[in-house]
N, C-alpha and C. Protein backbone atom coordinates (compact mmCIF):
# COMPACT_ATOMS: atom_id res chain seq x y z
N MET A 1 167.70 90.51 46.96
CA MET A 1 168.47 91.51 46.04
C MET A 1 168.97 92.39 47.05
N LYS A 2 169.82 92.76 47.46
CA LYS A 2 170.74 93.90 47.91
C LYS A 2 170.02 95.00 47.42
N THR A 3 169.59 95.74 48.85
CA THR A 3 168.88 97.21 48.92
C THR A 3 169.73 97.79 49.88
N ASN A 4 169.45 99.32 49.55
CA ASN A 4 169.56 100.20 50.91
C ASN A 4 168.68 101.09 51.45
N LYS A 5 167.51 100.21 50.78
CA LYS A 5 166.05 100.79 51.31
C LYS A 5 165.59 100.36 52.85
N ILE A 6 165.25 101.33 53.52
CA ILE A 6 164.57 100.92 54.95
C ILE A 6 163.42 100.23 55.24
N LEU A 7 163.51 99.15 55.62
CA LEU A 7 162.13 98.64 56.19
C LEU A 7 161.22 99.41 57.04
N LEU A 8 160.31 99.80 56.82
CA LEU A 8 159.38 100.66 57.33
C LEU A 8 157.57 99.81 57.63
N ILE A 9 157.91 99.56 59.16
CA ILE A 9 156.37 98.39 59.19
C ILE A 9 155.70 99.09 59.81
N ASP A 10 154.47 98.80 59.12
CA ASP A 10 153.19 99.99 59.90
C ASP A 10 152.35 98.83 60.38
N GLY A 11 151.12 99.15 61.21
CA GLY A 11 150.27 98.03 61.53
C GLY A 11 149.82 99.01 63.11
N ALA A 12 148.75 98.49 63.60
CA ALA A 12 148.04 98.97 64.41
C ALA A 12 148.50 98.28 65.93
N ARG A 13 148.13 99.20 67.19
CA ARG A 13 148.67 98.69 68.31
C ARG A 13 148.47 97.26 68.22
N GLN A 14 149.60 96.52 68.96
CA GLN A 14 149.25 95.42 69.38
C GLN A 14 149.25 94.22 68.76
N VAL A 15 149.79 94.41 67.08
CA VAL A 15 149.35 93.68 66.10
C VAL A 15 150.90 92.65 66.23
N GLY A 16 151.66 93.04 67.42
CA GLY A 16 153.30 92.19 67.37
C GLY A 16 154.23 92.97 66.71
N LYS A 17 154.52 94.20 66.36
CA LYS A 17 155.19 94.67 65.32
C LYS A 17 156.84 94.57 65.53
N THR A 18 156.58 95.03 67.76
CA THR A 18 157.86 95.22 68.02
C THR A 18 158.53 93.89 68.54
N PHE A 19 157.82 93.16 69.06
CA PHE A 19 157.57 91.51 69.45
C PHE A 19 158.65 91.16 68.03
N ILE A 20 158.18 90.88 66.51
CA ILE A 20 159.20 89.85 65.88
C ILE A 20 160.31 90.83 65.56
N ILE A 21 160.17 92.15 65.44
CA ILE A 21 161.41 92.92 64.71
C ILE A 21 162.45 92.73 65.95
N ARG A 22 162.28 92.35 67.19
CA ARG A 22 163.15 92.36 68.22
C ARG A 22 163.99 90.71 68.30
N HIS A 23 162.65 90.43 68.12
CA HIS A 23 163.10 88.45 67.85
C HIS A 23 164.11 88.39 66.51
N VAL A 24 163.70 88.81 65.73
CA VAL A 24 164.53 88.74 64.75
C VAL A 24 165.58 89.60 64.27
N GLY A 25 165.41 90.49 64.69
CA GLY A 25 166.68 91.70 64.71
C GLY A 25 167.71 91.07 65.91
N LYS A 26 167.93 90.63 67.28
CA LYS A 26 168.41 90.22 68.11
C LYS A 26 169.08 88.73 67.23
N LYS A 27 168.52 87.88 66.63
CA LYS A 27 168.68 86.94 65.81
C LYS A 27 169.84 86.80 64.99
N MET A 28 169.44 87.94 64.04
CA MET A 28 170.31 87.87 62.89
C MET A 28 171.19 88.68 62.96
N TYR A 29 171.51 90.05 63.78
CA TYR A 29 172.83 90.74 63.74
C TYR A 29 173.07 90.89 65.50
N ASP A 30 174.66 91.17 65.45
CA ASP A 30 175.33 90.92 66.29
C ASP A 30 175.30 92.27 67.32
N ASN A 31 174.63 93.10 66.70
CA ASN A 31 174.75 94.33 67.57
C ASN A 31 173.29 94.97 67.04
N PHE A 32 172.37 94.50 68.34
CA PHE A 32 170.81 94.89 67.96
C PHE A 32 170.59 96.69 68.66
N ILE A 33 170.18 97.19 68.13
CA ILE A 33 170.14 98.84 68.77
C ILE A 33 168.58 99.00 69.06
N GLU A 34 168.20 98.98 70.00
CA GLU A 34 166.29 99.67 70.00
C GLU A 34 165.91 100.96 70.47
N ILE A 35 165.24 101.79 69.79
CA ILE A 35 164.95 103.14 70.24
C ILE A 35 163.53 103.42 70.30
N ASN A 36 162.83 103.54 70.91
CA ASN A 36 161.54 103.62 71.73
C ASN A 36 161.66 105.07 71.35
N MET A 37 160.88 106.10 70.35
CA MET A 37 160.41 107.73 70.60
C MET A 37 159.47 107.65 71.10
N ILE A 38 158.47 107.18 71.18
CA ILE A 38 157.83 107.81 72.19
C ILE A 38 158.38 107.69 73.97
N GLU A 39 158.97 106.72 74.29
CA GLU A 39 160.04 106.72 75.43
C GLU A 39 160.70 108.25 75.32
N ASP A 40 161.62 108.07 74.31
CA ASP A 40 162.07 109.29 74.36
C ASP A 40 161.54 110.81 74.20
N ARG A 41 160.35 110.60 73.68
CA ARG A 41 159.64 111.77 73.75
C ARG A 41 158.84 112.38 75.47
N LEU A 42 158.96 111.02 76.07
CA LEU A 42 158.55 111.29 77.49
C LEU A 42 159.33 111.53 78.33
N GLN A 43 160.70 111.44 77.68
CA GLN A 43 161.66 111.34 78.97
C GLN A 43 163.06 112.23 78.49
N ASN A 44 163.97 112.03 77.63
CA ASN A 44 165.49 112.40 77.70
C ASN A 44 165.12 113.77 76.47
N GLN A 45 164.06 113.26 75.17
CA GLN A 45 163.90 113.82 74.13
C GLN A 45 165.11 114.13 73.18
N LEU A 46 166.04 112.82 73.20
CA LEU A 46 167.26 113.05 72.70
C LEU A 46 167.26 113.37 70.79
N PHE A 47 166.09 112.69 70.75
CA PHE A 47 165.86 112.76 69.00
C PHE A 47 164.87 113.81 68.79
N LYS A 48 164.18 114.96 69.44
CA LYS A 48 163.47 115.61 69.59
C LYS A 48 163.74 116.90 68.00
N ASN A 49 165.10 116.82 68.17
CA ASN A 49 165.69 118.16 67.40
C ASN A 49 166.40 117.61 66.14
N VAL A 50 166.47 116.32 66.42
CA VAL A 50 167.60 115.33 65.34
C VAL A 50 167.30 116.38 64.13
N LYS A 51 167.78 116.57 63.06
CA LYS A 51 167.47 116.89 61.36
C LYS A 51 168.70 116.69 60.38
N THR A 52 169.62 116.30 61.02
CA THR A 52 171.02 115.45 59.86
C THR A 52 171.23 114.24 60.42
N VAL A 53 172.16 113.49 59.63
CA VAL A 53 172.42 111.95 60.45
C VAL A 53 173.77 112.06 61.36
N GLU A 54 174.63 113.14 60.97
CA GLU A 54 175.64 113.43 62.41
C GLU A 54 174.31 113.61 63.75
N ASP A 55 173.88 114.21 63.25
CA ASP A 55 172.81 114.72 64.78
C ASP A 55 172.36 113.37 65.10
N PHE A 56 172.00 112.50 64.10
CA PHE A 56 171.03 111.35 64.58
C PHE A 56 172.12 110.14 65.81
N TYR A 57 173.67 110.12 64.66
CA TYR A 57 174.46 109.04 64.98
C TYR A 57 175.13 109.60 66.14
N LEU A 58 175.04 111.47 66.73
CA LEU A 58 175.57 111.25 68.00
C LEU A 58 174.72 110.91 69.36
N GLN A 59 173.20 111.13 68.97
CA GLN A 59 172.03 111.00 70.12
C GLN A 59 172.22 109.52 69.96
N VAL A 60 172.41 108.38 68.74
CA VAL A 60 172.60 107.08 69.08
C VAL A 60 173.85 106.25 70.16
N SER A 61 174.73 107.34 69.65
CA SER A 61 175.38 106.78 69.99
C SER A 61 175.55 107.34 71.36
N MET A 62 175.41 108.32 72.42
CA MET A 62 175.09 108.36 73.68
C MET A 62 174.23 107.24 74.32
N LEU A 63 173.43 106.81 73.54
CA LEU A 63 172.60 105.31 74.19
C LEU A 63 173.19 103.48 73.46
N ALA A 64 174.08 104.25 73.04
CA ALA A 64 174.42 102.26 72.39
C ALA A 64 175.90 102.73 71.52
N GLY A 65 176.55 103.36 72.31
CA GLY A 65 178.03 104.06 71.23
C GLY A 65 178.97 102.69 71.14
N SER A 66 178.68 101.65 71.73
CA SER A 66 179.74 100.51 71.93
C SER A 66 179.15 99.27 70.89
N GLN A 67 177.41 99.93 70.36
CA GLN A 67 177.50 98.62 69.70
C GLN A 67 177.28 99.40 68.41
N MET A 68 177.36 100.54 68.03
CA MET A 68 177.95 100.64 66.73
C MET A 68 178.84 100.57 65.82
N LYS A 69 178.72 99.07 65.40
CA LYS A 69 179.94 98.73 64.24
C LYS A 69 179.82 98.73 62.90
N GLU A 70 179.72 97.63 62.03
CA GLU A 70 179.35 97.92 60.72
C GLU A 70 178.34 97.36 60.44
N LYS A 71 177.63 97.90 59.27
CA LYS A 71 176.50 97.75 58.44
C LYS A 71 175.80 96.48 58.77
N GLU A 72 177.02 95.32 58.25
CA GLU A 72 176.85 94.44 58.16
C GLU A 72 176.11 93.46 59.51
N ASN A 73 176.70 93.42 60.36
CA ASN A 73 176.41 93.31 62.04
C ASN A 73 175.78 94.30 62.86
N THR A 74 175.14 95.33 62.40
CA THR A 74 174.69 96.57 63.08
C THR A 74 173.37 96.40 62.71
N LEU A 75 172.16 96.71 63.38
CA LEU A 75 170.59 97.05 63.37
C LEU A 75 170.54 97.88 64.20
N ILE A 76 169.98 99.06 63.66
CA ILE A 76 169.40 99.99 64.40
C ILE A 76 167.53 100.30 64.32
N PHE A 77 167.13 99.66 65.49
CA PHE A 77 165.56 99.64 65.28
C PHE A 77 164.84 101.10 65.90
N ILE A 78 163.99 101.44 65.35
CA ILE A 78 163.58 103.32 65.39
C ILE A 78 162.21 102.41 65.32
N ASP A 79 161.52 102.42 66.41
CA ASP A 79 160.19 102.08 67.32
C ASP A 79 159.62 103.07 67.69
N GLU A 80 158.46 103.17 67.45
CA GLU A 80 157.11 104.52 67.09
C GLU A 80 157.86 105.70 66.70
N ILE A 81 158.12 105.54 65.46
CA ILE A 81 158.71 106.56 64.95
C ILE A 81 158.02 107.82 64.42
N GLN A 82 156.32 107.32 64.64
CA GLN A 82 155.23 108.49 64.48
C GLN A 82 155.38 109.60 65.58
N ALA A 83 155.97 108.91 66.81
CA ALA A 83 156.37 109.80 67.57
C ALA A 83 156.98 111.37 67.38
N TYR A 84 157.98 111.23 66.09
CA TYR A 84 158.85 112.28 65.98
C TYR A 84 158.60 112.39 64.08
N PRO A 85 158.05 112.92 63.99
CA PRO A 85 157.68 112.44 62.20
C PRO A 85 158.63 113.22 61.59
N HIS A 86 159.56 114.27 62.17
CA HIS A 86 160.92 114.85 61.18
C HIS A 86 161.64 113.45 60.81
N LEU A 87 162.04 112.23 61.73
CA LEU A 87 162.75 111.39 61.61
C LEU A 87 162.15 110.37 60.32
N LEU A 88 160.92 110.55 59.54
CA LEU A 88 160.81 109.51 58.48
C LEU A 88 161.37 110.55 57.26
N THR A 89 161.60 112.02 57.61
CA THR A 89 161.94 112.61 56.28
C THR A 89 163.75 112.09 56.21
N LEU A 90 164.00 111.65 58.12
CA LEU A 90 165.55 111.56 58.08
C LEU A 90 165.82 110.51 57.36
N LEU A 91 164.48 109.35 57.30
CA LEU A 91 165.12 108.16 56.92
C LEU A 91 165.64 108.28 55.16
N LYS A 92 165.51 109.24 54.02
CA LYS A 92 165.90 109.15 53.35
C LYS A 92 167.48 109.38 53.21
N PHE A 93 167.82 110.25 54.16
CA PHE A 93 169.13 110.43 54.36
C PHE A 93 170.00 109.25 55.19
N LEU A 94 169.55 108.90 56.28
CA LEU A 94 170.19 107.48 56.58
C LEU A 94 170.31 106.22 55.37
N SER A 95 169.53 106.06 54.79
CA SER A 95 169.45 105.29 53.82
C SER A 95 170.56 105.76 52.79
N GLN A 96 170.23 106.84 52.09
CA GLN A 96 171.80 107.29 51.37
C GLN A 96 173.00 107.52 52.02
N ASP A 97 173.03 107.23 53.31
CA ASP A 97 174.57 107.48 54.04
C ASP A 97 175.11 105.85 53.72
N ASP A 98 174.22 105.06 54.52
CA ASP A 98 174.21 103.47 54.23
C ASP A 98 175.34 103.25 55.21
N LYS A 99 175.59 103.55 56.20
CA LYS A 99 176.82 103.15 57.65
C LYS A 99 176.03 102.19 58.27
N PHE A 100 174.55 102.01 58.49
CA PHE A 100 174.41 100.87 59.74
C PHE A 100 172.79 100.20 58.55
N THR A 101 172.27 99.45 59.05
CA THR A 101 171.00 98.67 58.74
C THR A 101 170.03 99.34 59.53
N TYR A 102 169.19 99.66 59.01
CA TYR A 102 167.83 100.42 59.75
C TYR A 102 166.37 99.40 59.48
N ILE A 103 165.74 99.42 60.28
CA ILE A 103 164.29 99.20 60.37
C ILE A 103 163.35 100.05 61.33
N ALA A 104 162.73 100.93 61.17
CA ALA A 104 161.61 101.69 61.41
C ALA A 104 159.74 100.68 61.62
N SER A 105 159.59 100.82 62.57
CA SER A 105 157.88 100.54 63.04
C SER A 105 157.15 102.03 63.62
N GLY A 106 156.04 102.02 63.31
CA GLY A 106 155.17 102.57 64.19
C GLY A 106 153.82 102.09 63.48
N SER A 107 152.67 103.22 64.19
CA SER A 107 151.47 103.02 64.18
C SER A 107 150.88 104.54 63.41
N LEU A 108 149.48 104.07 62.63
CA LEU A 108 148.92 105.38 62.09
C LEU A 108 150.24 106.07 60.96
N LEU A 109 150.91 105.38 60.89
CA LEU A 109 152.00 106.23 59.62
C LEU A 109 151.48 106.75 58.38
N ASP A 110 150.74 106.18 57.58
CA ASP A 110 149.84 106.71 56.31
C ASP A 110 149.77 108.09 57.23
N VAL A 111 148.72 108.00 58.26
CA VAL A 111 148.63 109.99 58.48
C VAL A 111 149.52 110.95 58.53
N THR A 112 150.87 109.94 59.39
CA THR A 112 151.69 110.79 59.89
C THR A 112 152.36 111.21 58.29
N LEU A 113 152.70 110.23 57.77
CA LEU A 113 153.17 110.55 56.08
C LEU A 113 152.23 111.69 55.42
N SER A 114 151.07 111.50 55.41
CA SER A 114 150.48 112.56 54.35
C SER A 114 150.92 114.11 55.55
N ASN A 115 151.14 114.23 56.35
CA ASN A 115 151.56 115.33 57.24
C ASN A 115 152.84 115.76 57.27
N THR A 116 153.67 114.52 56.65
CA THR A 116 154.90 114.81 56.29
C THR A 116 155.50 115.83 55.50
N SER A 117 156.22 116.49 55.61
CA SER A 117 156.83 117.68 54.09
C SER A 117 157.28 117.13 53.49
N SER A 118 158.38 116.36 53.21
CA SER A 118 159.49 115.68 52.85
C SER A 118 159.11 114.22 52.68
N ILE A 119 158.39 113.29 51.97
CA ILE A 119 157.82 111.99 52.08
C ILE A 119 159.68 111.14 51.55
N PRO A 120 160.18 110.65 52.28
CA PRO A 120 161.25 109.63 51.92
C PRO A 120 160.89 108.65 51.02
N MET A 121 159.88 109.19 49.81
CA MET A 121 159.66 107.63 49.01
C MET A 121 161.15 107.12 47.51
N GLY A 122 161.16 105.88 47.86
CA GLY A 122 162.26 105.43 47.14
C GLY A 122 163.70 105.11 48.16
N SER A 123 163.26 105.56 49.28
CA SER A 123 164.46 105.14 50.34
C SER A 123 164.01 104.25 51.38
N ILE A 124 162.35 104.36 51.34
CA ILE A 124 161.73 103.03 51.94
C ILE A 124 161.07 102.11 51.51
N ARG A 125 161.04 100.70 52.15
CA ARG A 125 159.93 99.94 51.73
C ARG A 125 158.42 99.55 52.82
N LYS A 126 157.68 100.38 52.70
CA LYS A 126 156.74 100.00 53.32
C LYS A 126 155.83 99.17 53.31
N ILE A 127 155.73 98.14 54.57
CA ILE A 127 154.25 96.98 54.72
C ILE A 127 153.65 97.11 56.17
N ARG A 128 152.65 96.84 55.81
CA ARG A 128 151.72 96.34 57.06
C ARG A 128 151.76 95.18 57.59
N MET A 129 151.59 94.86 58.73
CA MET A 129 151.38 94.13 59.27
C MET A 129 150.68 93.96 60.37
N CYS A 130 149.63 93.13 60.35
CA CYS A 130 148.16 92.76 60.73
C CYS A 130 147.98 92.07 61.38
N PRO A 131 146.93 91.78 62.09
CA PRO A 131 146.70 90.50 63.25
C PRO A 131 146.65 89.35 62.62
N LEU A 132 146.75 88.60 63.45
CA LEU A 132 146.61 86.70 63.07
C LEU A 132 145.62 86.55 62.55
N ASP A 133 145.76 85.82 60.81
CA ASP A 133 144.53 85.12 60.48
C ASP A 133 143.91 84.36 61.15
N PHE A 134 142.93 83.86 60.33
CA PHE A 134 142.36 82.53 60.94
C PHE A 134 143.59 80.95 60.91
N GLU A 135 143.87 81.26 59.87
CA GLU A 135 144.97 79.83 59.89
C GLU A 135 146.02 79.85 60.95
N GLU A 136 146.49 81.68 61.21
CA GLU A 136 147.62 81.56 61.93
C GLU A 136 146.74 81.34 63.24
N PHE A 137 145.73 81.66 63.46
CA PHE A 137 144.98 81.38 64.92
C PHE A 137 144.80 79.91 65.44
N ILE A 138 144.59 78.96 64.34
CA ILE A 138 144.36 77.64 64.78
C ILE A 138 145.39 76.97 64.60
N ARG A 139 146.45 77.42 64.12
CA ARG A 139 147.83 76.90 64.24
C ARG A 139 148.69 77.38 65.56
N VAL A 140 148.34 78.28 66.04
CA VAL A 140 148.83 78.75 67.86
C VAL A 140 147.83 78.07 68.76
N LEU A 141 146.95 77.07 68.04
CA LEU A 141 145.68 76.52 68.81
C LEU A 141 146.06 75.07 68.91
N GLY A 142 147.11 74.61 68.06
CA GLY A 142 147.38 73.84 67.86
C GLY A 142 147.37 72.76 66.90
N LEU A 143 146.72 72.93 65.65
CA LEU A 143 146.52 72.45 64.57
C LEU A 143 147.75 72.25 63.65
N ASN A 144 148.66 71.16 63.53
CA ASN A 144 149.79 70.93 62.80
C ASN A 144 149.73 70.97 61.44
N ASP A 145 150.95 70.88 60.90
CA ASP A 145 151.16 71.29 59.19
C ASP A 145 150.14 70.21 57.98
N LEU A 146 150.04 68.66 58.82
CA LEU A 146 149.43 67.84 57.98
C LEU A 146 148.18 68.19 58.09
N THR A 147 147.37 68.43 58.94
CA THR A 147 146.02 68.74 59.18
C THR A 147 145.37 69.71 58.67
N LEU A 148 146.53 70.75 58.47
CA LEU A 148 146.22 72.28 57.84
C LEU A 148 146.17 71.98 55.64
N SER A 149 147.45 70.98 55.92
CA SER A 149 147.59 70.42 54.51
C SER A 149 146.21 69.52 53.85
N ILE A 150 145.50 68.89 54.23
CA ILE A 150 144.54 67.84 54.62
C ILE A 150 143.83 68.65 54.01
N LEU A 151 143.50 70.01 55.40
CA LEU A 151 142.00 70.65 54.86
C LEU A 151 142.20 71.80 53.74
N GLU A 152 143.45 72.10 53.20
CA GLU A 152 143.05 72.95 52.65
C GLU A 152 143.43 72.61 50.73
N ASN A 153 143.69 70.94 50.77
CA ASN A 153 143.55 69.92 49.52
C ASN A 153 141.99 69.84 49.36
N LYS A 154 140.96 69.44 50.74
CA LYS A 154 139.93 69.26 50.28
C LYS A 154 139.01 70.37 50.29
N PHE A 155 139.14 71.58 50.44
CA PHE A 155 139.17 73.44 50.34
C PHE A 155 139.32 73.56 48.76
N ASN A 156 140.49 72.87 48.03
CA ASN A 156 140.75 73.31 46.64
C ASN A 156 140.14 72.76 45.76
N HIS A 157 139.68 71.26 46.30
CA HIS A 157 139.35 70.05 45.45
C HIS A 157 137.51 70.23 45.89
N LEU A 158 137.78 71.32 46.39
CA LEU A 158 135.69 71.54 46.91
C LEU A 158 135.35 69.92 47.47
N GLU A 159 135.67 69.57 48.50
CA GLU A 159 135.53 68.49 49.34
C GLU A 159 134.66 69.20 50.55
N THR A 160 133.99 68.38 50.89
CA THR A 160 132.65 68.29 52.54
C THR A 160 133.79 67.66 53.08
N LEU A 161 133.94 68.02 54.52
CA LEU A 161 134.55 67.47 55.91
C LEU A 161 134.08 66.75 56.37
N ASP A 162 134.19 65.54 56.95
CA ASP A 162 133.61 64.31 57.83
C ASP A 162 132.96 65.46 58.38
N GLU A 163 131.55 65.08 59.40
CA GLU A 163 130.63 65.59 60.25
C GLU A 163 131.81 66.32 61.80
N THR A 164 132.80 65.46 62.39
CA THR A 164 133.20 65.70 63.09
C THR A 164 134.71 66.60 62.85
N MET A 165 135.36 66.50 61.83
CA MET A 165 136.36 67.64 61.56
C MET A 165 135.37 69.22 61.22
N HIS A 166 134.18 68.69 60.45
CA HIS A 166 133.31 70.00 60.60
C HIS A 166 133.14 71.10 61.57
N ASP A 167 132.63 70.08 62.75
CA ASP A 167 132.12 70.79 64.01
C ASP A 167 133.44 71.29 64.75
N LYS A 168 134.93 70.84 64.43
CA LYS A 168 135.77 70.88 65.04
C LYS A 168 136.62 72.39 64.56
N MET A 169 135.88 72.39 63.22
CA MET A 169 136.52 73.38 62.73
C MET A 169 135.66 74.74 62.83
N MET A 170 134.23 74.43 62.87
CA MET A 170 133.46 75.68 63.35
C MET A 170 133.38 76.08 64.89
N ASP A 171 133.83 75.02 65.19
CA ASP A 171 134.16 75.69 66.76
C ASP A 171 135.56 76.54 67.13
N LEU A 172 136.61 76.06 66.32
CA LEU A 172 137.82 77.13 65.87
C LEU A 172 137.25 77.91 65.37
N PHE A 173 136.35 78.56 64.61
CA PHE A 173 136.10 79.44 64.12
C PHE A 173 135.45 80.71 65.01
N ARG A 174 134.44 80.08 65.70
CA ARG A 174 133.50 80.52 66.50
C ARG A 174 134.67 81.08 67.75
N LYS A 175 135.69 80.28 68.04
CA LYS A 175 136.84 81.40 68.74
C LYS A 175 137.45 82.01 68.38
N TYR A 176 137.96 81.93 67.44
CA TYR A 176 138.47 83.18 66.74
C TYR A 176 137.82 84.50 66.67
N LEU A 177 136.25 84.11 66.12
CA LEU A 177 135.61 85.64 66.25
C LEU A 177 135.07 86.55 67.27
N LEU A 178 135.47 85.36 68.59
CA LEU A 178 135.69 85.72 69.86
C LEU A 178 136.67 86.35 70.37
N VAL A 179 137.86 85.61 70.09
CA VAL A 179 139.23 86.34 70.32
C VAL A 179 139.73 87.41 69.76
N GLY A 180 139.41 86.47 68.59
CA GLY A 180 140.11 87.57 67.27
C GLY A 180 141.87 87.26 67.10
N GLY A 181 142.62 88.32 66.59
CA GLY A 181 143.71 87.86 65.86
C GLY A 181 145.00 88.34 66.85
N LEU A 182 144.62 89.46 67.50
CA LEU A 182 145.52 90.16 68.46
C LEU A 182 146.57 89.32 69.30
N PRO A 183 147.94 89.13 69.62
CA PRO A 183 148.78 88.52 69.68
C PRO A 183 148.55 88.26 71.22
N ASP A 184 148.34 89.64 72.33
CA ASP A 184 148.48 89.53 73.80
C ASP A 184 146.84 88.94 74.00
N VAL A 185 145.47 89.19 73.37
CA VAL A 185 144.51 88.79 73.67
C VAL A 185 144.30 87.48 73.06
N ILE A 186 145.00 86.54 72.25
CA ILE A 186 145.22 85.41 72.33
C ILE A 186 146.29 84.37 73.62
N ASN A 187 147.35 85.45 73.59
CA ASN A 187 147.95 84.53 74.96
C ASN A 187 146.94 84.79 76.25
N THR A 188 146.66 85.84 76.61
CA THR A 188 145.48 85.90 77.62
C THR A 188 144.36 84.29 77.57
N TYR A 189 144.00 84.18 76.25
CA TYR A 189 142.93 82.89 76.13
C TYR A 189 143.52 81.85 76.29
N LEU A 190 144.75 81.72 75.72
CA LEU A 190 145.52 80.30 75.81
C LEU A 190 145.71 80.28 77.18
N GLU A 191 146.91 81.31 78.13
CA GLU A 191 146.56 81.01 79.66
C GLU A 191 145.30 80.85 80.52
N THR A 192 144.12 81.27 79.89
CA THR A 192 143.12 81.91 80.99
C THR A 192 141.72 80.28 80.56
N LYS A 193 141.65 80.56 79.64
CA LYS A 193 140.23 80.09 78.56
C LYS A 193 139.27 80.89 79.43
N ASN A 194 139.62 81.96 79.85
CA ASN A 194 138.17 82.56 80.00
C ASN A 194 138.10 84.09 79.28
N ILE A 195 136.70 84.18 78.83
CA ILE A 195 136.17 84.84 78.19
C ILE A 195 136.38 86.06 78.75
N GLN A 196 136.23 86.16 79.63
CA GLN A 196 135.81 87.71 80.51
C GLN A 196 137.07 88.58 80.50
N ALA A 197 138.23 87.48 80.88
CA ALA A 197 139.72 88.14 80.46
C ALA A 197 139.97 88.42 79.58
N VAL A 198 139.61 88.01 78.40
CA VAL A 198 139.67 88.29 76.77
C VAL A 198 139.38 89.45 76.74
N ARG A 199 138.09 89.80 77.09
CA ARG A 199 137.73 90.94 76.94
C ARG A 199 138.04 92.02 77.61
N GLU A 200 138.43 91.87 79.33
CA GLU A 200 139.12 92.71 79.61
C GLU A 200 140.72 93.40 78.94
N VAL A 201 141.14 92.91 78.18
CA VAL A 201 142.30 93.01 77.51
C VAL A 201 142.05 93.88 76.27
N GLN A 202 140.87 93.12 75.35
CA GLN A 202 140.29 93.66 74.28
C GLN A 202 139.89 94.98 74.26
N ASN A 203 139.23 95.40 75.47
CA ASN A 203 138.72 96.73 76.09
C ASN A 203 139.72 97.75 76.14
N GLU A 204 141.18 97.36 76.78
CA GLU A 204 141.98 97.89 76.91
C GLU A 204 142.53 98.33 75.84
N ILE A 205 142.81 97.49 74.69
CA ILE A 205 143.46 97.71 73.59
C ILE A 205 142.46 98.90 72.89
N TYR A 206 141.46 98.64 72.97
CA TYR A 206 140.41 99.19 72.22
C TYR A 206 140.43 101.20 72.59
N GLU A 207 140.65 101.31 74.23
CA GLU A 207 140.54 102.80 74.43
C GLU A 207 142.08 103.35 74.02
N TYR A 208 143.28 102.49 73.91
CA TYR A 208 144.56 102.66 72.91
C TYR A 208 143.98 103.38 71.80
N TYR A 209 143.24 102.29 71.22
CA TYR A 209 142.84 102.70 69.95
C TYR A 209 141.79 104.12 69.26
N LYS A 210 141.36 104.14 70.63
CA LYS A 210 140.45 105.82 70.38
C LYS A 210 141.38 106.68 70.84
N SER A 211 142.25 106.21 72.01
CA SER A 211 142.85 107.43 71.75
C SER A 211 143.92 108.08 70.96
N ASP A 212 144.49 106.73 70.30
CA ASP A 212 145.40 107.39 68.79
C ASP A 212 144.48 108.16 68.11
N ALA A 213 143.21 107.36 67.80
CA ALA A 213 142.41 108.25 66.46
C ALA A 213 142.15 109.12 66.97
N SER A 214 142.07 109.72 68.29
CA SER A 214 141.59 111.36 68.85
C SER A 214 142.78 112.07 68.56
N LYS A 215 144.00 111.27 68.31
CA LYS A 215 145.02 112.65 68.28
C LYS A 215 144.66 113.40 66.85
N TYR A 216 144.00 112.54 65.68
CA TYR A 216 143.79 112.95 64.80
C TYR A 216 142.55 113.72 64.14
N ASP A 217 141.84 113.43 65.26
CA ASP A 217 139.99 114.02 64.96
C ASP A 217 140.09 114.90 65.50
N THR A 218 140.82 115.81 64.26
CA THR A 218 140.35 117.47 64.92
C THR A 218 138.64 118.14 64.78
N GLU A 219 138.13 117.39 63.89
CA GLU A 219 136.76 117.59 63.73
C GLU A 219 135.25 117.12 64.99
N LYS A 220 136.40 116.09 65.97
CA LYS A 220 135.47 115.48 67.20
C LYS A 220 134.43 114.65 66.53
N ASN A 221 134.83 113.81 65.58
CA ASN A 221 133.72 113.16 64.76
C ASN A 221 133.56 111.99 65.80
N LEU A 222 134.67 111.52 66.24
CA LEU A 222 134.47 109.93 67.12
C LEU A 222 133.57 110.54 68.35
N LYS A 223 133.79 111.38 68.47
CA LYS A 223 132.62 111.61 70.00
C LYS A 223 131.60 112.14 69.35
N SER A 224 131.27 112.47 68.55
CA SER A 224 129.91 112.58 67.54
C SER A 224 129.37 111.06 67.42
N ALA A 225 130.19 110.38 66.96
CA ALA A 225 129.90 109.07 66.24
C ALA A 225 129.68 108.19 67.62
N GLU A 226 130.14 108.50 69.00
CA GLU A 226 129.90 107.26 69.88
C GLU A 226 128.90 108.37 70.50
N PHE A 227 128.65 109.30 70.40
CA PHE A 227 126.88 109.77 71.13
C PHE A 227 126.25 109.32 70.36
N MET A 228 125.98 109.11 68.91
CA MET A 228 124.97 108.31 68.22
C MET A 228 124.76 106.98 68.29
N ILE A 229 125.67 106.04 68.91
CA ILE A 229 126.00 105.04 69.21
C ILE A 229 125.22 104.83 70.21
């Protein structure tokens, strides 16, 4: 079904939002324009005071004017949109103008939207992207569709696995508990098979999460909880 709604993808850091949007966007559209709003806020701040559709087009044209073609072949990807909360309100007017195709993504969008004076309901379709689940994890580790189909069939019919397969699946599940479903962590495990290296990447991401959460923790509950632990 054709719609003018703008797809808004929410999700924690490092779940792969930017990667998958960039991969699909470049594959499906001749003109793919990507704008990272955190980078803009730290550098040129072109979008800091954008309030109208015309202002938005002007700033995009400064970055990628030659790629601004027709709606059918132009996708504008607004990454890390939470850096400029006023752009969430602007999505409504970009959707109504219907000049280009848009997709936006960000982290902690529920918090940002709750503090936005005018939520663009009816103009966006918000979905959440999560880390890889166990089935996706074991696919990455090499289990093929046939094996997964057999396992699913046995599960649906409450049939037990033979001892060899049971041990194999338990081993994979233990790996999943250690590694988790974040793509960067999984890639580190596949490349190194080193749990210490995996832990280092996990700790880096954990620090990012703490930093993000602290921006909204006005009561300093995070520090209190950390002290109690």
